[in-house]
Amino acid sequence: MIWEMEIERLGAGNSAEIMKFSGRGTVWSFTIIPRAGYAPEGFEFLAPYAVALVRLEEGPLVTAMLTDVNLTDIEIGMEVEMVIRKKRDLGDRGLLLYGYSFRPPIPELP
């Protein structure tokens, strides 16, 4: 499955431009959040996890969590694809927050 991302960018004169991206890219840089004490508030339950700069096929860099991958297998230059994942559970308010992450691509069936 391929997700399309739309990003609004302000150009010269503050005119907005909508850009579409394939959701595919490569890991440009990454770090591991090893335990809850290093995670931002509300994300402690996800530790350990990886956060990466992903260079999209179309050129821009985006920051995102990496998912569905063993932390020891992450490498610079690794191909990834965008997926939607649960980020936070605000149970006291009955809200689940979802956002994009990246994972290694799943091979297509023949």
Protein backbone atom coordinates (compact mmCIF):
# COMPACT_ATOMS: atom_id res chain seq x y z
CA MET A 1 0.00 0.00 0.00
CA ILE A 2 1.30 3.46 -0.85
CA TRP A 3 0.21 6.48 1.15
CA GLU A 4 0.31 9.91 -0.39
CA MET A 5 1.37 12.80 1.81
CA GLU A 6 0.25 16.34 1.13
CA ILE A 7 2.34 19.14 2.58
CA GLU A 8 1.49 22.80 2.37
CA ARG A 9 4.51 24.99 1.87
CA LEU A 10 4.69 28.75 2.05
CA GLY A 11 6.53 30.23 -0.87
CA ALA A 12 7.69 33.73 -1.68
CA GLY A 13 5.00 36.22 -0.78
CA ASN A 14 3.46 33.68 1.59
CA SER A 15 1.53 31.93 -1.18
CA ALA A 16 0.72 28.33 -0.29
CA GLU A 17 1.67 25.42 -2.51
CA ILE A 18 0.32 21.88 -1.99
CA MET A 19 2.92 19.22 -2.71
CA LYS A 20 2.27 15.47 -2.97
CA PHE A 21 4.84 12.89 -1.92
CA SER A 22 4.89 9.13 -2.47
CA GLY A 23 5.67 8.30 1.17
CA ARG A 24 8.79 6.35 0.16
CA GLY A 25 12.34 7.33 1.02
CA THR A 26 15.60 6.41 2.73
CA VAL A 27 16.93 6.85 6.25
CA TRP A 28 19.26 9.86 6.16
CA SER A 29 20.06 9.89 9.90
CA PHE A 30 18.58 8.36 13.05
CA THR A 31 18.82 8.09 16.81
CA ILE A 32 17.53 5.59 19.35
CA ILE A 33 15.45 6.68 22.35
CA PRO A 34 16.69 3.89 24.65
CA ARG A 35 14.33 4.21 27.62
CA ALA A 36 11.38 6.14 28.97
CA GLY A 37 13.54 8.71 30.79
CA TYR A 38 14.82 9.99 27.42
CA ALA A 39 11.43 10.15 25.70
CA PRO A 40 9.31 13.30 25.48
CA GLU A 41 6.32 13.47 27.79
CA GLY A 42 3.54 11.24 26.53
CA PHE A 43 5.85 9.02 24.49
CA GLU A 44 7.51 7.16 27.36
CA PHE A 45 5.44 4.02 26.76
CA LEU A 46 6.98 3.62 23.27
CA ALA A 47 10.61 3.35 24.47
CA PRO A 48 12.86 1.99 23.18
CA TYR A 49 12.21 3.41 19.70
CA ALA A 50 14.00 5.09 16.81
CA VAL A 51 13.49 8.56 15.35
CA ALA A 52 14.87 9.26 11.89
CA LEU A 53 15.35 11.92 9.28
CA VAL A 54 13.93 10.37 6.13
CA ARG A 55 14.83 11.74 2.72
CA LEU A 56 11.72 11.32 0.58
CA GLU A 57 12.11 10.20 -3.04
CA GLU A 58 11.00 13.68 -4.08
CA GLY A 59 13.82 15.34 -2.08
CA PRO A 60 12.54 16.82 1.22
CA LEU A 61 13.64 15.54 4.63
CA VAL A 62 10.97 14.63 7.20
CA THR A 63 11.33 13.59 10.83
CA ALA A 64 9.47 10.47 11.91
CA MET A 65 9.55 7.42 14.15
CA LEU A 66 10.68 4.14 12.63
CA THR A 67 8.43 1.15 13.26
CA ASP A 68 8.20 -2.57 12.46
CA VAL A 69 11.99 -2.91 12.49
CA ASN A 70 14.55 -4.32 14.93
CA LEU A 71 16.51 -1.36 16.31
CA THR A 72 19.81 -3.14 15.57
CA ASP A 73 18.86 -3.49 11.88
CA ILE A 74 18.45 0.25 11.19
CA GLU A 75 21.05 1.67 8.79
CA ILE A 76 21.72 4.95 7.03
CA GLY A 77 20.45 4.57 3.45
CA MET A 78 17.84 1.94 4.40
CA GLU A 79 14.72 2.12 2.22
CA VAL A 80 11.49 2.91 4.11
CA GLU A 81 7.81 3.57 3.42
CA MET A 82 5.27 5.62 5.33
CA VAL A 83 2.62 3.96 7.50
CA ILE A 84 0.06 5.25 10.01
CA ARG A 85 0.57 4.25 13.65
CA LYS A 86 -0.93 5.03 17.06
CA LYS A 87 1.23 7.65 18.78
CA ARG A 88 -0.56 8.44 22.02
CA ASP A 89 -3.52 7.32 24.09
CA LEU A 90 -5.16 10.16 25.96
CA GLY A 91 -7.36 7.71 27.83
CA ASP A 92 -8.62 10.24 30.34
CA ARG A 93 -10.17 12.15 27.42
CA GLY A 94 -11.01 9.12 25.28
CA LEU A 95 -8.67 10.14 22.46
CA LEU A 96 -6.27 8.06 20.42
CA LEU A 97 -3.75 10.08 18.40
CA TYR A 98 -2.39 8.63 15.17
CA GLY A 99 0.43 9.89 12.99
CA TYR A 100 2.86 8.78 10.33
CA SER A 101 5.90 6.57 10.89
CA PHE A 102 8.22 4.80 8.47
CA ARG A 103 9.08 1.10 8.18
CA PRO A 104 11.10 -1.08 5.82
CA PRO A 105 8.97 -1.80 2.73
CA ILE A 106 7.03 -5.04 2.65
CA PRO A 107 7.95 -7.00 -0.50
CA GLU A 108 5.17 -7.07 -3.08
CA LEU A 109 3.58 -10.42 -3.87
CA PRO A 110 4.25 -11.84 -7.35
